[in-house]
Amino acid sequence: MNDRDSIRRKNFGEMSLEEIEKLSEMKIRRFFDNHTDQESVRSKLIQKWPLIVSLRNTPVKKSNKPLSYKKLAMIVKKELQLEKLAPSTIQKLWHELELKHETKQEK
């Protein structure tokens, strides 16, 4: 956390070239760490996709609407034991996989 805070606050204005290089390397490392986390979450979601589809298609008690992405994310987060899972991640993957699949079936 201290490294992340120092990266965010640093200004290149009065730094030497070596300090700028170290700071740039830290920023690159942080970027790839975040990107790797997203890919691992995506692969875990794809592995459990049948569960996600069945949960999403199950109607909620009061209405016949499908389960919201927010509630779905909370359930899947507990199931996969993930630290963080945004509902938008599931929504993007849903649109990518399911809506394309539906479009192919209609043709």
Protein backbone atom coordinates (compact mmCIF):
# COMPACT_ATOMS: atom_id res chain seq x y z
CA MET A 1 0.00 0.00 0.00
CA ASN A 2 2.83 2.39 0.78
CA ASP A 3 4.30 1.85 -2.69
CA ARG A 4 0.92 2.51 -4.30
CA ASP A 5 0.46 5.71 -2.30
CA SER A 6 3.96 6.91 -3.15
CA ILE A 7 3.38 6.20 -6.87
CA ARG A 8 0.15 8.17 -6.84
CA ARG A 9 1.71 11.20 -5.13
CA LYS A 10 5.01 11.36 -6.99
CA ASN A 11 5.67 14.11 -9.48
CA PHE A 12 8.44 13.76 -12.05
CA GLY A 13 9.36 17.46 -11.78
CA GLU A 14 12.37 17.38 -9.47
CA MET A 15 13.40 13.73 -9.72
CA SER A 16 16.61 12.24 -11.08
CA LEU A 17 16.53 9.84 -14.03
CA GLU A 18 17.14 6.84 -11.76
CA GLU A 19 14.23 7.79 -9.52
CA ILE A 20 11.98 8.27 -12.54
CA GLU A 21 13.04 4.87 -13.86
CA LYS A 22 12.26 3.15 -10.55
CA LEU A 23 8.93 4.91 -10.31
CA SER A 24 8.04 3.96 -13.88
CA GLU A 25 8.92 0.32 -13.21
CA MET A 26 6.69 0.35 -10.13
CA LYS A 27 3.81 1.78 -12.16
CA ILE A 28 4.28 -0.86 -14.86
CA ARG A 29 4.42 -3.65 -12.27
CA ARG A 30 1.24 -2.34 -10.65
CA PHE A 31 -0.53 -2.21 -14.01
CA PHE A 32 0.36 -5.82 -14.83
CA ASP A 33 -0.59 -7.00 -11.34
CA ASN A 34 -4.06 -5.49 -11.77
CA HIS A 35 -4.40 -6.86 -15.29
CA THR A 36 -3.42 -10.38 -14.17
CA ASP A 37 -6.04 -10.29 -11.41
CA GLN A 38 -8.75 -9.43 -13.92
CA GLU A 39 -7.74 -12.30 -16.20
CA SER A 40 -7.79 -14.80 -13.33
CA VAL A 41 -11.24 -13.59 -12.22
CA ARG A 42 -12.48 -13.91 -15.80
CA SER A 43 -11.16 -17.47 -16.10
CA LYS A 44 -12.76 -18.44 -12.79
CA LEU A 45 -16.07 -17.00 -13.96
CA ILE A 46 -15.89 -18.93 -17.22
CA GLN A 47 -15.21 -22.15 -15.30
CA LYS A 48 -18.39 -21.60 -13.24
CA TRP A 49 -20.43 -20.21 -16.14
CA PRO A 50 -23.23 -22.86 -16.00
CA LEU A 51 -23.85 -21.89 -12.37
CA ILE A 52 -23.97 -18.20 -13.29
CA VAL A 53 -26.39 -18.83 -16.16
CA SER A 54 -28.72 -20.89 -13.98
CA LEU A 55 -28.67 -18.26 -11.21
CA ARG A 56 -29.27 -15.42 -13.66
CA ASN A 57 -32.15 -17.19 -15.41
CA THR A 58 -33.92 -18.17 -12.18
CA PRO A 59 -36.73 -15.64 -11.63
CA VAL A 60 -36.86 -13.67 -8.40
CA LYS A 61 -39.80 -14.51 -6.10
CA LYS A 62 -41.79 -11.28 -6.33
CA SER A 63 -41.49 -10.77 -10.05
CA ASN A 64 -40.45 -12.77 -13.05
CA LYS A 65 -37.37 -10.62 -13.55
CA PRO A 66 -33.97 -12.33 -13.59
CA LEU A 67 -31.55 -11.97 -10.71
CA SER A 68 -29.74 -8.62 -10.82
CA TYR A 69 -26.05 -8.51 -11.68
CA LYS A 70 -25.32 -6.97 -8.27
CA LYS A 71 -26.94 -9.84 -6.35
CA LEU A 72 -25.44 -12.34 -8.75
CA ALA A 73 -21.97 -10.86 -8.15
CA MET A 74 -22.40 -11.19 -4.38
CA ILE A 75 -23.39 -14.86 -4.66
CA VAL A 76 -20.63 -15.75 -7.12
CA LYS A 77 -18.07 -13.82 -5.07
CA LYS A 78 -18.84 -16.00 -2.06
CA GLU A 79 -18.91 -19.18 -4.16
CA LEU A 80 -15.54 -18.52 -5.82
CA GLN A 81 -14.04 -16.98 -2.68
CA LEU A 82 -12.92 -13.85 -4.49
CA GLU A 83 -11.83 -10.67 -2.77
CA LYS A 84 -13.48 -8.40 -5.28
CA LEU A 85 -15.91 -8.94 -8.10
CA ALA A 86 -17.72 -6.08 -9.79
CA PRO A 87 -21.21 -6.66 -11.15
CA SER A 88 -20.05 -5.02 -14.38
CA THR A 89 -17.54 -7.84 -14.89
CA ILE A 90 -20.34 -10.41 -14.92
CA GLN A 91 -22.52 -8.14 -17.05
CA LYS A 92 -19.80 -7.68 -19.69
CA LEU A 93 -19.10 -11.40 -19.79
CA TRP A 94 -22.84 -12.13 -19.99
CA HIS A 95 -23.25 -9.84 -22.98
CA GLU A 96 -20.17 -11.30 -24.58
CA LEU A 97 -21.14 -14.96 -24.17
CA GLU A 98 -24.90 -15.24 -23.82
CA LEU A 99 -26.17 -12.52 -26.11
CA LYS A 100 -23.84 -13.61 -28.90
CA HIS A 101 -25.04 -17.19 -28.37
CA GLU A 102 -28.69 -16.09 -28.58
CA THR A 103 -27.98 -14.13 -31.77
CA LYS A 104 -26.37 -17.19 -33.40
CA GLN A 105 -29.37 -19.36 -32.47
CA GLU A 106 -31.81 -16.88 -34.03
CA LYS A 107 -29.99 -17.02 -37.35
